[in-house]
Amino acid sequence: MSKFSTSFLAASLMLAFASIATAQTVVDVDAAKALFKDNDCTKCHAVDKTKKGPSLKKIAASQKTDGQEKIIKNITTGPKIQFEDGTVEKHKVINTKDPKELKNLADWILSQ
């Protein structure tokens, strides 16, 4: 193998691994759980079972595209939502404006 081929291969592998690393989101699970709990999200949501609202697993499964953006919009704008029992109410707004905290919470929900 020539010196050029070896260098090209090494550079290609480094680029491939770098793109994989940036594509994966690192979630601060403890911070996300704390924000979730502090905002009483557990009143309506659980990780793996339906309460008044859908489970986080169900939310994650339904948000395959633009999930982070949709979740952040839902938890920051307080839209009216309809529950499975037919009742309608305004979704609670999360008590943070920090984009990093909001993204972390959304990514944690999507990781379920």
Protein backbone atom coordinates (compact mmCIF):
# COMPACT_ATOMS: atom_id res chain seq x y z
CA MET A 1 0.00 0.00 0.00
CA SER A 2 1.46 3.35 -0.97
CA LYS A 3 2.08 6.15 1.51
CA PHE A 4 -0.66 8.20 -0.23
CA SER A 5 -3.19 5.36 0.04
CA THR A 6 -2.44 4.85 3.73
CA SER A 7 -2.78 8.57 4.46
CA PHE A 8 -5.99 8.81 2.44
CA LEU A 9 -7.46 5.80 4.25
CA ALA A 10 -6.51 7.18 7.65
CA ALA A 11 -8.02 10.59 6.85
CA SER A 12 -11.21 8.98 5.55
CA LEU A 13 -11.61 6.90 8.69
CA MET A 14 -11.01 9.92 10.92
CA LEU A 15 -13.64 11.90 9.03
CA ALA A 16 -16.12 9.03 9.22
CA PHE A 17 -15.67 8.61 12.97
CA ALA A 18 -15.91 12.37 13.55
CA SER A 19 -19.22 12.56 11.70
CA ILE A 20 -20.60 9.63 13.70
CA ALA A 21 -19.56 11.22 16.98
CA THR A 22 -21.26 14.53 16.16
CA ALA A 23 -24.42 12.83 14.91
CA GLN A 24 -24.99 11.13 18.24
CA THR A 25 -26.41 13.31 20.97
CA VAL A 26 -25.09 12.94 24.47
CA VAL A 27 -27.95 13.27 26.93
CA ASP A 28 -27.48 14.37 30.52
CA VAL A 29 -30.02 11.90 31.87
CA ASP A 30 -29.93 13.16 35.45
CA ALA A 31 -30.55 16.77 34.39
CA ALA A 32 -33.38 15.75 32.04
CA LYS A 33 -35.06 13.61 34.71
CA ALA A 34 -34.74 16.43 37.25
CA LEU A 35 -36.30 18.98 34.87
CA PHE A 36 -39.05 16.48 33.99
CA LYS A 37 -39.81 15.85 37.66
CA ASP A 38 -39.48 19.50 38.79
CA ASN A 39 -42.08 20.51 36.20
CA ASP A 40 -44.56 17.83 37.34
CA CYS A 41 -44.41 16.08 33.95
CA THR A 42 -44.78 12.81 35.87
CA LYS A 43 -48.34 13.84 36.70
CA CYS A 44 -49.38 13.05 33.11
CA HIS A 45 -46.45 11.07 31.65
CA ALA A 46 -44.45 7.97 32.54
CA VAL A 47 -41.58 6.39 30.64
CA ASP A 48 -43.32 3.18 29.64
CA LYS A 49 -47.01 3.46 30.50
CA THR A 50 -49.86 5.74 29.53
CA LYS A 51 -51.14 7.94 32.30
CA LYS A 52 -53.28 10.98 31.49
CA GLY A 53 -50.84 11.67 28.65
CA PRO A 54 -48.92 9.25 26.43
CA SER A 55 -45.85 7.40 27.65
CA LEU A 56 -42.45 8.79 26.70
CA LYS A 57 -41.86 5.64 24.65
CA LYS A 58 -45.03 6.38 22.65
CA ILE A 59 -43.99 10.02 22.17
CA ALA A 60 -40.52 8.96 21.02
CA ALA A 61 -41.95 6.42 18.59
CA SER A 62 -44.31 8.97 17.06
CA GLN A 63 -41.65 11.67 16.64
CA LYS A 64 -39.33 10.02 14.11
CA THR A 65 -38.74 13.23 12.10
CA ASP A 66 -38.25 16.67 13.63
CA GLY A 67 -38.92 15.13 17.03
CA GLN A 68 -36.67 17.42 19.02
CA GLU A 69 -38.17 20.52 17.44
CA LYS A 70 -41.75 19.31 17.92
CA ILE A 71 -41.21 18.36 21.55
CA ILE A 72 -39.54 21.67 22.36
CA LYS A 73 -42.39 23.56 20.70
CA ASN A 74 -44.94 21.54 22.67
CA ILE A 75 -43.26 22.10 26.04
CA THR A 76 -42.53 25.81 25.52
CA THR A 77 -45.71 27.12 23.86
CA GLY A 78 -48.42 25.34 25.86
CA PRO A 79 -50.69 24.25 23.01
CA LYS A 80 -54.11 22.78 23.67
CA ILE A 81 -53.91 19.00 23.66
CA GLN A 82 -56.56 16.32 23.59
CA PHE A 83 -56.17 13.32 25.83
CA GLU A 84 -57.24 9.79 25.00
CA ASP A 85 -60.34 10.25 27.19
CA GLY A 86 -61.41 13.19 24.99
CA THR A 87 -60.68 15.98 27.46
CA VAL A 88 -58.82 19.03 26.19
CA GLU A 89 -56.47 21.24 28.16
CA LYS A 90 -53.46 23.46 27.71
CA HIS A 91 -50.11 21.64 27.94
CA LYS A 92 -47.93 22.86 30.78
CA VAL A 93 -45.00 25.07 29.81
CA ILE A 94 -41.57 24.02 31.10
CA ASN A 95 -40.08 26.54 33.53
CA THR A 96 -36.82 27.08 31.66
CA LYS A 97 -35.86 29.15 28.65
CA ASP A 98 -32.36 27.62 28.41
CA PRO A 99 -32.07 26.09 24.92
CA LYS A 100 -29.54 23.51 26.14
CA GLU A 101 -31.85 22.30 28.89
CA LEU A 102 -34.80 22.14 26.49
CA LYS A 103 -32.79 20.21 23.88
CA ASN A 104 -31.47 17.86 26.55
CA LEU A 105 -34.98 17.13 27.81
CA ALA A 106 -36.30 16.57 24.28
CA ASP A 107 -33.36 14.28 23.44
CA TRP A 108 -33.93 12.31 26.65
CA ILE A 109 -37.61 11.86 25.75
CA LEU A 110 -36.63 10.74 22.24
CA SER A 111 -34.13 8.24 23.68
CA GLN A 112 -36.88 6.30 25.46
